Amino acid sequence: MRYIFLFPVPCFLFPQPESVPTQYGKCYNNHISQEIARKLVKKEVLGIIGHRSSGSSLAAVEIYNQHKIAMISPTSSSTDLDNEEYEVFFRTVASNKEYAEKFYLYGKEKCLSDQNNKMWVLYDSQDKYSSNLKKEIKLLEDPSKSSKKKLILEEFNDSFSAKESLKDKIINNIKNEGVECVILLPGTTTTRSALLIISEYKELYEKNTNNINIFKKTKFLSGLALHNHEDLKKDGGSFYEELLVIVPTPFIKNESKNELATR
């Protein structure tokens, strides 16, 4: 008798690489994802629920594809996984193309008060999810329709751990470049850098709150990488009240309008 096994990828069976912080889980390491995939294809399984991050899924999908084993990822959203060659891959969340539209349109329509103002997009070039989402957001800015660029694109780097350097970046972009919306796209190892930007901004804003000509109110947007981060729960989440997290949700019933809505 042949069995069909559908189960989460058992990351806990593999050692934790030192380069990946413990809180991100063991399947975020691409090398380990491939190791897991190679072990699983030797079993008599027809399907895998996993992997989680886009980088891990991209690392493993070719192995599953070669062996015709279905793969269902609960959280991978990179459009790089939409390759027609990956016929065994399925996802349960929206792709980064849909996320990009939400980020860009919400930022442009709800956050910017003037045509000259901008959105500051911070991304992790070493992370498949983050770099892919940045690419999809950039594609939405059509230079043929307007000579005024809305996006300032910048990578997370080592200078974000240096307080004075980070303050200079924040002041230059928010005060001098007219940034009214910061889109944070951290990867699995740069979430703390994203939260550090918010905390440094908050400190600067509170010091200059009485002079809007010096420092304006700015909104922050982020997505899946931050939606369940432990730091967001500190002080009941009040410290990060400026942050709007865009995450997938099932349809919900809006009782006041008697219609289906998403949030």
Protein backbone atom coordinates (compact mmCIF):
# COMPACT_ATOMS: atom_id res chain seq x y z
CA MET A 1 0.00 0.00 0.00
CA ARG A 2 1.27 3.47 -0.86
CA TYR A 3 0.67 6.40 1.46
CA ILE A 4 0.23 10.09 0.80
CA PHE A 5 1.94 12.27 3.38
CA LEU A 6 1.25 15.99 3.58
CA PHE A 7 3.16 17.53 6.44
CA PRO A 8 5.08 20.66 7.45
CA VAL A 9 8.78 20.51 6.61
CA PRO A 10 10.43 19.16 9.81
CA CYS A 11 13.01 21.92 10.31
CA PHE A 12 13.64 20.93 13.92
CA LEU A 13 15.45 17.79 12.78
CA PHE A 14 18.31 19.84 11.40
CA PRO A 15 21.02 21.86 13.16
CA GLN A 16 20.64 25.61 13.48
CA PRO A 17 23.20 27.52 11.39
CA GLU A 18 25.04 30.18 13.37
CA SER A 19 24.43 32.77 10.66
CA VAL A 20 20.66 32.68 11.13
CA PRO A 21 19.14 34.10 14.34
CA THR A 22 17.17 31.49 16.29
CA GLN A 23 13.88 33.42 16.23
CA TYR A 24 13.66 33.11 12.44
CA GLY A 25 13.55 29.31 12.45
CA LYS A 26 15.80 26.78 10.82
CA CYS A 27 14.20 26.63 7.38
CA TYR A 28 15.31 30.12 6.43
CA ASN A 29 18.80 28.85 5.57
CA ASN A 30 18.86 27.97 1.88
CA HIS A 31 21.49 25.28 2.23
CA ILE A 32 19.47 23.53 4.94
CA SER A 33 16.32 23.83 2.84
CA GLN A 34 18.02 21.96 0.03
CA GLU A 35 19.30 19.35 2.48
CA ILE A 36 15.78 18.84 3.79
CA ALA A 37 14.38 18.57 0.25
CA ARG A 38 16.95 15.94 -0.74
CA LYS A 39 16.07 13.84 2.30
CA LEU A 40 12.33 14.12 1.74
CA VAL A 41 12.38 13.13 -1.93
CA LYS A 42 13.89 9.80 -0.88
CA LYS A 43 10.73 9.06 1.11
CA GLU A 44 7.47 7.85 -0.42
CA VAL A 45 5.73 11.20 -0.20
CA LEU A 46 3.56 12.86 -2.79
CA GLY A 47 3.30 16.30 -1.21
CA ILE A 48 5.07 18.78 1.07
CA ILE A 49 3.54 21.64 3.05
CA GLY A 50 6.43 24.07 3.15
CA HIS A 51 8.83 25.77 2.94
CA ARG A 52 8.15 29.14 4.55
CA SER A 53 10.42 31.95 3.31
CA SER A 54 10.70 32.68 -0.41
CA GLY A 55 14.44 32.06 -0.34
CA SER A 56 13.97 28.63 1.20
CA SER A 57 11.24 27.74 -1.26
CA LEU A 58 13.35 28.83 -4.22
CA ALA A 59 16.24 26.76 -2.91
CA ALA A 60 14.11 23.62 -2.60
CA VAL A 61 11.56 23.85 -5.41
CA GLU A 62 13.88 22.60 -8.16
CA ILE A 63 14.56 19.41 -6.20
CA TYR A 64 10.84 18.76 -5.67
CA ASN A 65 10.18 19.64 -9.29
CA GLN A 66 12.68 17.06 -10.54
CA HIS A 67 10.93 14.35 -8.51
CA LYS A 68 7.37 15.54 -9.29
CA ILE A 69 6.51 16.09 -5.62
CA ALA A 70 3.87 18.74 -4.97
CA MET A 71 4.95 21.64 -2.75
CA ILE A 72 2.51 23.98 -1.00
CA SER A 73 4.08 26.99 0.70
CA PRO A 74 2.00 28.78 3.38
CA THR A 75 3.99 32.04 3.27
CA SER A 76 6.28 32.29 0.20
CA SER A 77 5.19 35.25 -1.93
CA SER A 78 8.09 35.91 -4.34
CA THR A 79 7.01 36.16 -7.98
CA ASP A 80 10.22 34.32 -8.91
CA LEU A 81 8.34 31.18 -7.85
CA ASP A 82 5.77 31.78 -10.60
CA ASN A 83 8.20 30.33 -13.13
CA GLU A 84 6.31 28.00 -15.47
CA GLU A 85 9.01 25.37 -14.97
CA TYR A 86 7.99 25.00 -11.30
CA GLU A 87 4.81 23.10 -12.07
CA VAL A 88 4.76 21.43 -8.64
CA PHE A 89 4.72 24.71 -6.68
CA PHE A 90 1.57 26.16 -5.10
CA ARG A 91 1.13 28.98 -2.60
CA THR A 92 -1.65 29.91 -0.18
CA VAL A 93 -0.93 33.65 0.01
CA ALA A 94 -0.92 36.44 -2.53
CA SER A 95 2.20 36.96 -4.62
CA ASN A 96 4.53 39.94 -4.23
CA LYS A 97 2.91 41.53 -7.27
CA GLU A 98 -0.32 41.97 -5.27
CA TYR A 99 1.59 43.10 -2.17
CA ALA A 100 3.53 45.64 -4.22
CA GLU A 101 0.31 47.18 -5.50
CA LYS A 102 -0.99 47.53 -1.94
CA PHE A 103 2.22 49.14 -0.72
CA TYR A 104 2.60 51.52 -3.64
CA LEU A 105 -1.02 52.60 -4.00
CA TYR A 106 -1.65 52.96 -0.27
CA GLY A 107 1.55 54.93 0.18
CA LYS A 108 0.85 57.18 -2.78
CA GLU A 109 -2.84 57.80 -2.08
CA LYS A 110 -3.05 57.68 1.73
CA CYS A 111 0.35 58.85 2.97
CA LEU A 112 1.63 61.51 0.57
CA SER A 113 0.15 64.97 1.00
CA ASP A 114 1.92 66.60 -1.95
CA GLN A 115 2.95 65.62 -5.48
CA ASN A 116 6.58 66.32 -4.66
CA ASN A 117 6.72 64.03 -1.63
CA LYS A 118 8.28 60.59 -1.74
CA MET A 119 8.26 57.06 -0.39
CA TRP A 120 11.47 55.64 1.06
CA VAL A 121 11.75 51.91 0.27
CA LEU A 122 14.25 49.93 2.35
CA TYR A 123 15.02 46.39 1.23
CA ASP A 124 17.43 43.53 1.81
CA SER A 125 19.25 42.67 -1.43
CA GLN A 126 20.45 39.36 0.06
CA ASP A 127 16.91 38.15 0.76
CA LYS A 128 14.80 36.66 -2.06
CA TYR A 129 11.47 37.86 -0.63
CA SER A 130 12.65 41.39 0.07
CA SER A 131 14.55 42.01 -3.18
CA ASN A 132 11.70 40.56 -5.24
CA LEU A 133 9.10 42.74 -3.51
CA LYS A 134 11.27 45.81 -4.09
CA LYS A 135 11.48 44.91 -7.78
CA GLU A 136 7.69 44.61 -8.03
CA ILE A 137 7.17 47.98 -6.30
CA LYS A 138 9.68 49.66 -8.61
CA LEU A 139 7.85 48.31 -11.66
CA LEU A 140 4.75 50.27 -10.60
CA GLU A 141 6.54 53.60 -10.93
CA ASP A 142 6.07 54.53 -14.58
CA PRO A 143 8.52 57.34 -15.49
CA SER A 144 6.63 58.00 -18.72
CA LYS A 145 3.61 59.25 -16.77
CA SER A 146 5.45 61.63 -14.47
CA SER A 147 8.89 63.19 -14.28
CA LYS A 148 8.64 63.29 -10.51
CA LYS A 149 9.88 60.03 -9.02
CA LYS A 150 8.03 58.84 -5.94
CA LEU A 151 10.50 56.22 -4.76
CA ILE A 152 13.82 56.41 -2.95
CA LEU A 153 15.31 52.90 -2.97
CA GLU A 154 17.95 51.97 -0.41
CA GLU A 155 19.42 48.73 0.94
CA PHE A 156 19.66 47.75 4.58
CA ASN A 157 23.36 47.73 5.42
CA ASP A 158 25.83 47.82 8.31
CA SER A 159 25.39 51.56 8.85
CA PHE A 160 21.89 50.91 10.20
CA SER A 161 23.44 49.55 13.37
CA ALA A 162 25.32 52.83 13.92
CA LYS A 163 22.96 55.23 15.68
CA GLU A 164 24.38 58.51 14.39
CA SER A 165 24.62 57.24 10.81
CA LEU A 166 21.03 56.06 10.94
CA LYS A 167 19.84 59.40 12.33
CA ASP A 168 21.57 61.18 9.46
CA LYS A 169 19.77 58.95 6.94
CA ILE A 170 16.40 59.57 8.57
CA ILE A 171 16.88 63.32 8.82
CA ASN A 172 18.12 63.62 5.24
CA ASN A 173 15.27 61.63 3.71
CA ILE A 174 12.39 62.83 5.86
CA LYS A 175 13.46 66.43 6.34
CA ASN A 176 15.31 67.17 3.11
CA GLU A 177 13.90 64.73 0.54
CA GLY A 178 10.24 65.11 1.50
CA VAL A 179 9.67 61.51 2.54
CA GLU A 180 6.21 60.99 4.09
CA CYS A 181 6.05 57.21 3.78
CA VAL A 182 8.68 54.61 4.69
CA ILE A 183 8.15 51.13 3.23
CA LEU A 184 10.14 48.58 5.23
CA LEU A 185 10.91 45.33 3.41
CA PRO A 186 13.30 43.47 5.71
CA GLY A 187 14.51 39.98 5.04
CA THR A 188 14.67 37.21 7.62
CA THR A 189 17.89 38.61 9.15
CA THR A 190 17.18 42.36 8.91
CA THR A 191 13.91 42.71 10.84
CA ARG A 192 15.68 44.35 13.78
CA SER A 193 17.19 46.93 11.43
CA ALA A 194 13.67 47.79 10.27
CA LEU A 195 12.42 48.19 13.85
CA LEU A 196 15.47 50.27 14.71
CA ILE A 197 14.53 52.76 11.99
CA ILE A 198 11.09 53.19 13.55
CA SER A 199 12.47 53.66 17.06
CA GLU A 200 15.09 56.19 15.92
CA TYR A 201 12.48 58.08 13.93
CA LYS A 202 10.17 58.20 16.93
CA GLU A 203 12.92 59.61 19.13
CA LEU A 204 13.75 62.30 16.56
CA TYR A 205 10.11 63.18 15.97
CA GLU A 206 9.33 63.57 19.65
CA LYS A 207 12.27 65.95 20.01
CA ASN A 208 11.01 68.08 17.11
CA THR A 209 7.26 67.62 17.42
CA ASN A 210 6.63 71.32 18.01
CA ASN A 211 8.28 72.40 14.78
CA ILE A 212 6.76 70.70 11.72
CA ASN A 213 9.12 72.63 9.44
CA ILE A 214 11.99 70.63 10.90
CA PHE A 215 10.48 67.16 11.09
CA LYS A 216 7.17 66.06 9.59
CA LYS A 217 4.92 63.18 10.62
CA THR A 218 5.79 60.06 8.65
CA LYS A 219 3.97 56.77 8.19
CA PHE A 220 5.59 53.33 8.06
CA LEU A 221 4.42 50.33 6.05
CA SER A 222 5.67 46.76 6.25
CA GLY A 223 4.53 43.25 5.43
CA LEU A 224 4.95 39.58 6.22
CA ALA A 225 8.48 39.73 7.64
CA LEU A 226 7.35 41.91 10.57
CA HIS A 227 3.75 40.86 11.13
CA ASN A 228 4.46 38.50 14.03
CA HIS A 229 7.71 39.89 15.39
CA GLU A 230 8.04 39.64 19.18
CA ASP A 231 9.20 43.25 19.56
CA LEU A 232 5.88 44.53 18.20
CA LYS A 233 4.16 43.17 21.31
CA LYS A 234 6.20 45.27 23.75
CA ASP A 235 4.20 47.84 25.70
CA GLY A 236 1.05 46.49 24.12
CA GLY A 237 2.37 47.49 20.70
CA SER A 238 2.03 51.22 21.45
CA PHE A 239 5.68 51.90 20.70
CA TYR A 240 5.14 50.94 17.05
CA GLU A 241 1.80 52.65 16.59
CA GLU A 242 3.16 54.45 13.50
CA LEU A 243 3.59 51.12 11.73
CA LEU A 244 0.95 49.72 9.36
CA VAL A 245 1.52 46.04 8.61
CA ILE A 246 -0.01 44.68 5.41
CA VAL A 247 -0.75 40.96 5.78
CA PRO A 248 -3.12 38.48 4.09
CA THR A 249 -6.42 37.72 5.78
CA PRO A 250 -9.47 35.63 4.90
CA PHE A 251 -12.60 37.45 3.81
CA ILE A 252 -14.55 38.80 6.76
CA LYS A 253 -18.17 39.86 7.07
CA ASN A 254 -18.65 43.58 7.44
CA GLU A 255 -21.85 43.76 9.49
CA SER A 256 -22.38 47.51 9.04
CA LYS A 257 -22.37 47.30 5.24
CA ASN A 258 -23.54 43.70 4.97
CA GLU A 259 -20.79 42.83 2.50
CA LEU A 260 -17.55 40.92 2.36
CA ALA A 261 -14.42 42.93 3.01
CA THR A 262 -10.72 42.37 3.49
CA ARG A 263 -8.37 44.08 5.82
